[in-house]
Amino acid sequence: MQNKISLDKLKKGEKATIVSFHNDELPAKFYELGFMPGTTVQIKHKAPLNGPICVNVIDYQTLIAIRKTEAALILTDRL
């Protein structure tokens, strides 16, 4: 059973695999940072008041903060 959900909807500590993007206009910087389909990520911290989300890109062993609006464009499959 697959649980498709946008990255911004995941809770702190949850892991997911990136499946696709809601918008083809996602900046190239996200591909450079490792946000590609098939990549496993984990939510490390969510700032209050729609602040940034800290994401651990497990496959590349990196910790990245992105805007909530950008995270909403990334569709994942919850693990």
PDB file of N, CA and C in Angstrom:
ATOM      1  N   MET A   1       0.831  -1.184   0.000  1.00  0.00           N
ATOM      2  CA  MET A   1       0.000   0.000   0.000  1.00  0.00           C
ATOM      3  C   MET A   1       0.872   1.243   0.000  1.00  0.00           C
ATOM      4  N   GLN A   2       0.594   2.154  -0.888  1.00  0.00           N
ATOM      5  CA  GLN A   2       1.405   3.352  -0.998  1.00  0.00           C
ATOM      6  C   GLN A   2       0.671   4.534  -0.382  1.00  0.00           C
ATOM      7  N   ASN A   3       1.408   5.354   0.342  1.00  0.00           N
ATOM      8  CA  ASN A   3       0.858   6.537   0.990  1.00  0.00           C
ATOM      9  C   ASN A   3       1.473   7.775   0.360  1.00  0.00           C
ATOM     10  N   LYS A   4       0.924   8.244  -0.735  1.00  0.00           N
ATOM     11  CA  LYS A   4       1.467   9.415  -1.418  1.00  0.00           C
ATOM     12  C   LYS A   4       1.047  10.678  -0.670  1.00  0.00           C
ATOM     13  N   ILE A   5       2.033  11.538  -0.421  1.00  0.00           N
ATOM     14  CA  ILE A   5       1.797  12.756   0.344  1.00  0.00           C
ATOM     15  C   ILE A   5       2.877  13.767  -0.031  1.00  0.00           C
ATOM     16  N   SER A   6       2.545  15.045   0.007  1.00  0.00           N
ATOM     17  CA  SER A   6       3.564  16.052  -0.301  1.00  0.00           C
ATOM     18  C   SER A   6       4.523  16.169   0.883  1.00  0.00           C
ATOM     19  N   LEU A   7       5.733  16.567   0.600  1.00  0.00           N
ATOM     20  CA  LEU A   7       6.797  16.614   1.606  1.00  0.00           C
ATOM     21  C   LEU A   7       6.431  17.511   2.785  1.00  0.00           C
ATOM     22  N   ASP A   8       5.715  18.593   2.549  1.00  0.00           N
ATOM     23  CA  ASP A   8       5.359  19.510   3.633  1.00  0.00           C
ATOM     24  C   ASP A   8       4.348  18.919   4.614  1.00  0.00           C
ATOM     25  N   LYS A   9       3.656  17.860   4.234  1.00  0.00           N
ATOM     26  CA  LYS A   9       2.644  17.234   5.097  1.00  0.00           C
ATOM     27  C   LYS A   9       3.221  16.147   6.006  1.00  0.00           C
ATOM     28  N   LEU A  10       4.464  15.743   5.766  1.00  0.00           N
ATOM     29  CA  LEU A  10       5.093  14.734   6.619  1.00  0.00           C
ATOM     30  C   LEU A  10       5.367  15.320   7.999  1.00  0.00           C
ATOM     31  N   LYS A  11       5.338  14.475   9.016  1.00  0.00           N
ATOM     32  CA  LYS A  11       5.611  14.909  10.378  1.00  0.00           C
ATOM     33  C   LYS A  11       7.087  14.722  10.698  1.00  0.00           C
ATOM     34  N   LYS A  12       7.526  15.415  11.727  1.00  0.00           N
ATOM     35  CA  LYS A  12       8.910  15.313  12.174  1.00  0.00           C
ATOM     36  C   LYS A  12       9.256  13.853  12.448  1.00  0.00           C
ATOM     37  N   GLY A  13      10.372  13.393  11.880  1.00  0.00           N
ATOM     38  CA  GLY A  13      10.834  12.023  12.072  1.00  0.00           C
ATOM     39  C   GLY A  13      10.380  11.050  10.996  1.00  0.00           C
ATOM     40  N   GLU A  14       9.371  11.417  10.201  1.00  0.00           N
ATOM     41  CA  GLU A  14       8.874  10.510   9.163  1.00  0.00           C
ATOM     42  C   GLU A  14       9.841  10.436   7.986  1.00  0.00           C
ATOM     43  N   LYS A  15       9.907   9.238   7.390  1.00  0.00           N
ATOM     44  CA  LYS A  15      10.737   9.012   6.210  1.00  0.00           C
ATOM     45  C   LYS A  15       9.841   8.778   5.007  1.00  0.00           C
ATOM     46  N   ALA A  16      10.358   9.152   3.838  1.00  0.00           N
ATOM     47  CA  ALA A  16       9.601   8.963   2.601  1.00  0.00           C
ATOM     48  C   ALA A  16      10.566   8.898   1.429  1.00  0.00           C
ATOM     49  N   THR A  17      10.063   8.392   0.319  1.00  0.00           N
ATOM     50  CA  THR A  17      10.822   8.351  -0.926  1.00  0.00           C
ATOM     51  C   THR A  17      10.185   9.338  -1.894  1.00  0.00           C
ATOM     52  N   ILE A  18      10.997  10.162  -2.516  1.00  0.00           N
ATOM     53  CA  ILE A  18      10.479  11.125  -3.487  1.00  0.00           C
ATOM     54  C   ILE A  18       9.987  10.375  -4.714  1.00  0.00           C
ATOM     55  N   VAL A  19       8.754  10.692  -5.131  1.00  0.00           N
ATOM     56  CA  VAL A  19       8.130  10.028  -6.272  1.00  0.00           C
ATOM     57  C   VAL A  19       8.133  10.933  -7.500  1.00  0.00           C
ATOM     58  N   SER A  20       7.669  12.164  -7.328  1.00  0.00           N
ATOM     59  CA  SER A  20       7.580  13.101  -8.450  1.00  0.00           C
ATOM     60  C   SER A  20       7.410  14.510  -7.911  1.00  0.00           C
ATOM     61  N   PHE A  21       7.162  15.440  -8.824  1.00  0.00           N
ATOM     62  CA  PHE A  21       6.986  16.836  -8.458  1.00  0.00           C
ATOM     63  C   PHE A  21       5.662  17.338  -9.006  1.00  0.00           C
ATOM     64  N   HIS A  22       4.972  18.183  -8.234  1.00  0.00           N
ATOM     65  CA  HIS A  22       3.687  18.737  -8.659  1.00  0.00           C
ATOM     66  C   HIS A  22       3.858  19.736  -9.792  1.00  0.00           C
ATOM     67  N   ASN A  23       5.044  20.262  -9.942  1.00  0.00           N
ATOM     68  CA  ASN A  23       5.270  21.345 -10.883  1.00  0.00           C
ATOM     69  C   ASN A  23       6.607  21.120 -11.579  1.00  0.00           C
ATOM     70  N   ASP A  24       6.623  21.203 -12.886  1.00  0.00           N
ATOM     71  CA  ASP A  24       7.871  21.009 -13.630  1.00  0.00           C
ATOM     72  C   ASP A  24       8.817  22.191 -13.498  1.00  0.00           C
ATOM     73  N   GLU A  25       8.369  23.261 -12.860  1.00  0.00           N
ATOM     74  CA  GLU A  25       9.190  24.461 -12.723  1.00  0.00           C
ATOM     75  C   GLU A  25      10.015  24.473 -11.440  1.00  0.00           C
ATOM     76  N   LEU A  26      10.152  23.331 -10.807  1.00  0.00           N
ATOM     77  CA  LEU A  26      10.961  23.252  -9.595  1.00  0.00           C
ATOM     78  C   LEU A  26      12.387  23.666  -9.941  1.00  0.00           C
ATOM     79  N   PRO A  27      12.961  24.572  -9.182  1.00  0.00           N
ATOM     80  CA  PRO A  27      14.303  25.057  -9.513  1.00  0.00           C
ATOM     81  C   PRO A  27      15.335  23.931  -9.622  1.00  0.00           C
ATOM     82  N   ALA A  28      16.273  24.114 -10.525  1.00  0.00           N
ATOM     83  CA  ALA A  28      17.328  23.121 -10.748  1.00  0.00           C
ATOM     84  C   ALA A  28      18.145  22.879  -9.482  1.00  0.00           C
ATOM     85  N   LYS A  29      18.166  23.864  -8.584  1.00  0.00           N
ATOM     86  CA  LYS A  29      18.956  23.699  -7.355  1.00  0.00           C
ATOM     87  C   LYS A  29      18.498  22.491  -6.544  1.00  0.00           C
ATOM     88  N   PHE A  30      17.211  22.144  -6.634  1.00  0.00           N
ATOM     89  CA  PHE A  30      16.727  20.995  -5.879  1.00  0.00           C
ATOM     90  C   PHE A  30      17.284  19.690  -6.421  1.00  0.00           C
ATOM     91  N   TYR A  31      17.451  19.607  -7.714  1.00  0.00           N
ATOM     92  CA  TYR A  31      18.080  18.420  -8.299  1.00  0.00           C
ATOM     93  C   TYR A  31      19.538  18.345  -7.861  1.00  0.00           C
ATOM     94  N   GLU A  32      20.196  19.499  -7.816  1.00  0.00           N
ATOM     95  CA  GLU A  32      21.595  19.543  -7.394  1.00  0.00           C
ATOM     96  C   GLU A  32      21.751  19.167  -5.921  1.00  0.00           C
ATOM     97  N   LEU A  33      20.728  19.459  -5.114  1.00  0.00           N
ATOM     98  CA  LEU A  33      20.769  19.136  -3.688  1.00  0.00           C
ATOM     99  C   LEU A  33      20.377  17.692  -3.390  1.00  0.00           C
ATOM    100  N   GLY A  34      19.931  16.967  -4.423  1.00  0.00           N
ATOM    101  CA  GLY A  34      19.604  15.557  -4.245  1.00  0.00           C
ATOM    102  C   GLY A  34      18.126  15.236  -4.200  1.00  0.00           C
ATOM    103  N   PHE A  35      17.272  16.222  -4.409  1.00  0.00           N
ATOM    104  CA  PHE A  35      15.824  15.978  -4.417  1.00  0.00           C
ATOM    105  C   PHE A  35      15.417  15.441  -5.780  1.00  0.00           C
ATOM    106  N   MET A  36      15.586  14.131  -5.967  1.00  0.00           N
ATOM    107  CA  MET A  36      15.257  13.468  -7.229  1.00  0.00           C
ATOM    108  C   MET A  36      14.350  12.279  -6.942  1.00  0.00           C
ATOM    109  N   PRO A  37      13.534  11.879  -7.917  1.00  0.00           N
ATOM    110  CA  PRO A  37      12.699  10.693  -7.706  1.00  0.00           C
ATOM    111  C   PRO A  37      13.550   9.485  -7.307  1.00  0.00           C
ATOM    112  N   GLY A  38      13.079   8.761  -6.292  1.00  0.00           N
ATOM    113  CA  GLY A  38      13.803   7.594  -5.793  1.00  0.00           C
ATOM    114  C   GLY A  38      14.662   7.885  -4.580  1.00  0.00           C
ATOM    115  N   THR A  39      14.874   9.156  -4.261  1.00  0.00           N
ATOM    116  CA  THR A  39      15.701   9.545  -3.126  1.00  0.00           C
ATOM    117  C   THR A  39      14.903   9.424  -1.826  1.00  0.00           C
ATOM    118  N   THR A  40      15.533   8.894  -0.782  1.00  0.00           N
ATOM    119  CA  THR A  40      14.893   8.768   0.527  1.00  0.00           C
ATOM    120  C   THR A  40      15.213   9.996   1.368  1.00  0.00           C
ATOM    121  N   VAL A  41      14.177  10.556   1.996  1.00  0.00           N
ATOM    122  CA  VAL A  41      14.339  11.747   2.831  1.00  0.00           C
ATOM    123  C   VAL A  41      13.661  11.528   4.181  1.00  0.00           C
ATOM    124  N   GLN A  42      14.071  12.329   5.167  1.00  0.00           N
ATOM    125  CA  GLN A  42      13.461  12.285   6.495  1.00  0.00           C
ATOM    126  C   GLN A  42      13.297  13.716   6.995  1.00  0.00           C
ATOM    127  N   ILE A  43      12.152  14.008   7.601  1.00  0.00           N
ATOM    128  CA  ILE A  43      11.908  15.331   8.174  1.00  0.00           C
ATOM    129  C   ILE A  43      12.614  15.400   9.523  1.00  0.00           C
ATOM    130  N   LYS A  44      13.513  16.360   9.673  1.00  0.00           N
ATOM    131  CA  LYS A  44      14.262  16.507  10.921  1.00  0.00           C
ATOM    132  C   LYS A  44      13.657  17.578  11.823  1.00  0.00           C
ATOM    133  N   HIS A  45      13.156  18.675  11.220  1.00  0.00           N
ATOM    134  CA  HIS A  45      12.601  19.768  12.018  1.00  0.00           C
ATOM    135  C   HIS A  45      11.645  20.582  11.164  1.00  0.00           C
ATOM    136  N   LYS A  46      10.578  21.067  11.785  1.00  0.00           N
ATOM    137  CA  LYS A  46       9.629  21.951  11.105  1.00  0.00           C
ATOM    138  C   LYS A  46       9.504  23.218  11.938  1.00  0.00           C
ATOM    139  N   ALA A  47       9.850  24.355  11.353  1.00  0.00           N
ATOM    140  CA  ALA A  47       9.755  25.626  12.063  1.00  0.00           C
ATOM    141  C   ALA A  47       8.287  26.039  12.189  1.00  0.00           C
ATOM    142  N   PRO A  48       7.943  26.745  13.251  1.00  0.00           N
ATOM    143  CA  PRO A  48       6.559  27.186  13.422  1.00  0.00           C
ATOM    144  C   PRO A  48       6.183  28.304  12.447  1.00  0.00           C
ATOM    145  N   LEU A  49       4.884  28.567  12.341  1.00  0.00           N
ATOM    146  CA  LEU A  49       4.355  29.675  11.536  1.00  0.00           C
ATOM    147  C   LEU A  49       4.752  29.589  10.069  1.00  0.00           C
ATOM    148  N   ASN A  50       4.623  28.405   9.497  1.00  0.00           N
ATOM    149  CA  ASN A  50       4.949  28.174   8.085  1.00  0.00           C
ATOM    150  C   ASN A  50       6.398  28.496   7.736  1.00  0.00           C
ATOM    151  N   GLY A  51       7.281  28.300   8.695  1.00  0.00           N
ATOM    152  CA  GLY A  51       8.702  28.511   8.461  1.00  0.00           C
ATOM    153  C   GLY A  51       9.300  27.360   7.679  1.00  0.00           C
ATOM    154  N   PRO A  52      10.617  27.367   7.513  1.00  0.00           N
ATOM    155  CA  PRO A  52      11.273  26.322   6.719  1.00  0.00           C
ATOM    156  C   PRO A  52      11.194  24.935   7.361  1.00  0.00           C
ATOM    157  N   ILE A  53      11.425  23.948   6.515  1.00  0.00           N
ATOM    158  CA  ILE A  53      11.434  22.547   6.930  1.00  0.00           C
ATOM    159  C   ILE A  53      12.852  22.025   6.734  1.00  0.00           C
ATOM    160  N   CYS A  54      13.400  21.391   7.760  1.00  0.00           N
ATOM    161  CA  CYS A  54      14.739  20.823   7.681  1.00  0.00           C
ATOM    162  C   CYS A  54      14.606  19.360   7.256  1.00  0.00           C
ATOM    163  N   VAL A  55      15.210  19.027   6.118  1.00  0.00           N
ATOM    164  CA  VAL A  55      15.075  17.700   5.523  1.00  0.00           C
ATOM    165  C   VAL A  55      16.435  17.017   5.452  1.00  0.00           C
ATOM    166  N   ASN A  56      16.494  15.774   5.910  1.00  0.00           N
ATOM    167  CA  ASN A  56      17.695  14.960   5.785  1.00  0.00           C
ATOM    168  C   ASN A  56      17.559  14.155   4.493  1.00  0.00           C
ATOM    169  N   VAL A  57      18.428  14.440   3.523  1.00  0.00           N
ATOM    170  CA  VAL A  57      18.443  13.669   2.277  1.00  0.00           C
ATOM    171  C   VAL A  57      19.348  12.477   2.555  1.00  0.00           C
ATOM    172  N   ILE A  58      18.737  11.369   2.955  1.00  0.00           N
ATOM    173  CA  ILE A  58      19.467  10.211   3.470  1.00  0.00           C
ATOM    174  C   ILE A  58      20.438   9.636   2.444  1.00  0.00           C
ATOM    175  N   ASP A  59      20.019   9.555   1.188  1.00  0.00           N
ATOM    176  CA  ASP A  59      20.875   8.960   0.158  1.00  0.00           C
ATOM    177  C   ASP A  59      22.181   9.724  -0.036  1.00  0.00           C
ATOM    178  N   TYR A  60      22.181  11.022   0.272  1.00  0.00           N
ATOM    179  CA  TYR A  60      23.373  11.851   0.078  1.00  0.00           C
ATOM    180  C   TYR A  60      23.961  12.331   1.397  1.00  0.00           C
ATOM    181  N   GLN A  61      23.375  11.919   2.511  1.00  0.00           N
ATOM    182  CA  GLN A  61      23.834  12.283   3.849  1.00  0.00           C
ATOM    183  C   GLN A  61      23.974  13.790   4.005  1.00  0.00           C
ATOM    184  N   THR A  62      22.924  14.526   3.599  1.00  0.00           N
ATOM    185  CA  THR A  62      22.923  15.981   3.725  1.00  0.00           C
ATOM    186  C   THR A  62      21.677  16.441   4.464  1.00  0.00           C
ATOM    187  N   LEU A  63      21.792  17.567   5.132  1.00  0.00           N
ATOM    188  CA  LEU A  63      20.698  18.186   5.860  1.00  0.00           C
ATOM    189  C   LEU A  63      20.418  19.524   5.194  1.00  0.00           C
ATOM    190  N   ILE A  64      19.179  19.725   4.718  1.00  0.00           N
ATOM    191  CA  ILE A  64      18.847  20.901   3.923  1.00  0.00           C
ATOM    192  C   ILE A  64      17.562  21.529   4.445  1.00  0.00           C
ATOM    193  N   ALA A  65      17.534  22.862   4.533  1.00  0.00           N
ATOM    194  CA  ALA A  65      16.320  23.587   4.913  1.00  0.00           C
ATOM    195  C   ALA A  65      15.680  24.150   3.649  1.00  0.00           C
ATOM    196  N   ILE A  66      14.377  23.883   3.477  1.00  0.00           N
ATOM    197  CA  ILE A  66      13.651  24.414   2.323  1.00  0.00           C
ATOM    198  C   ILE A  66      12.354  25.066   2.795  1.00  0.00           C
ATOM    199  N   ARG A  67      11.830  25.968   1.979  1.00  0.00           N
ATOM    200  CA  ARG A  67      10.567  26.632   2.301  1.00  0.00           C
ATOM    201  C   ARG A  67       9.417  25.627   2.258  1.00  0.00           C
ATOM    202  N   LYS A  68       8.402  25.887   3.060  1.00  0.00           N
ATOM    203  CA  LYS A  68       7.232  25.011   3.078  1.00  0.00           C
ATOM    204  C   LYS A  68       6.547  25.004   1.716  1.00  0.00           C
ATOM    205  N   THR A  69       6.504  26.148   1.042  1.00  0.00           N
ATOM    206  CA  THR A  69       5.866  26.221  -0.280  1.00  0.00           C
ATOM    207  C   THR A  69       6.607  25.373  -1.303  1.00  0.00           C
ATOM    208  N   GLU A  70       7.925  25.284  -1.170  1.00  0.00           N
ATOM    209  CA  GLU A  70       8.712  24.441  -2.074  1.00  0.00           C
ATOM    210  C   GLU A  70       8.522  22.966  -1.731  1.00  0.00           C
ATOM    211  N   ALA A  71       8.453  22.659  -0.441  1.00  0.00           N
ATOM    212  CA  ALA A  71       8.240  21.272  -0.010  1.00  0.00           C
ATOM    213  C   ALA A  71       6.883  20.752  -0.481  1.00  0.00           C
ATOM    214  N   ALA A  72       5.917  21.651  -0.618  1.00  0.00           N
ATOM    215  CA  ALA A  72       4.579  21.251  -1.069  1.00  0.00           C
ATOM    216  C   ALA A  72       4.586  20.780  -2.523  1.00  0.00           C
ATOM    217  N   LEU A  73       5.615  21.134  -3.281  1.00  0.00           N
ATOM    218  CA  LEU A  73       5.720  20.737  -4.687  1.00  0.00           C
ATOM    219  C   LEU A  73       6.325  19.350  -4.867  1.00  0.00           C
ATOM    220  N   ILE A  74       6.856  18.771  -3.786  1.00  0.00           N
ATOM    221  CA  ILE A  74       7.542  17.481  -3.862  1.00  0.00           C
ATOM    222  C   ILE A  74       6.601  16.381  -3.367  1.00  0.00           C
ATOM    223  N   LEU A  75       6.249  15.461  -4.252  1.00  0.00           N
ATOM    224  CA  LEU A  75       5.346  14.356  -3.915  1.00  0.00           C
ATOM    225  C   LEU A  75       6.172  13.150  -3.474  1.00  0.00           C
ATOM    226  N   THR A  76       5.808  12.581  -2.323  1.00  0.00           N
ATOM    227  CA  THR A  76       6.569  11.465  -1.760  1.00  0.00           C
ATOM    228  C   THR A  76       5.679  10.256  -1.499  1.00  0.00           C
ATOM    229  N   ASP A  77       6.329   9.139  -1.246  1.00  0.00           N
ATOM    230  CA  ASP A  77       5.665   7.895  -0.855  1.00  0.00           C
ATOM    231  C   ASP A  77       6.154   7.586   0.558  1.00  0.00           C
ATOM    232  N   ARG A  78       5.282   7.730   1.535  1.00  0.00           N
ATOM    233  CA  ARG A  78       5.647   7.545   2.941  1.00  0.00           C
ATOM    234  C   ARG A  78       6.124   6.119   3.184  1.00  0.00           C
ATOM    235  N   LEU A  79       7.217   5.974   3.946  1.00  0.00           N
ATOM    236  CA  LEU A  79       7.760   4.646   4.270  1.00  0.00           C
ATOM    237  C   LEU A  79       7.227   4.157   5.600  1.00  0.00           C
TER     238      LEU A  79
END
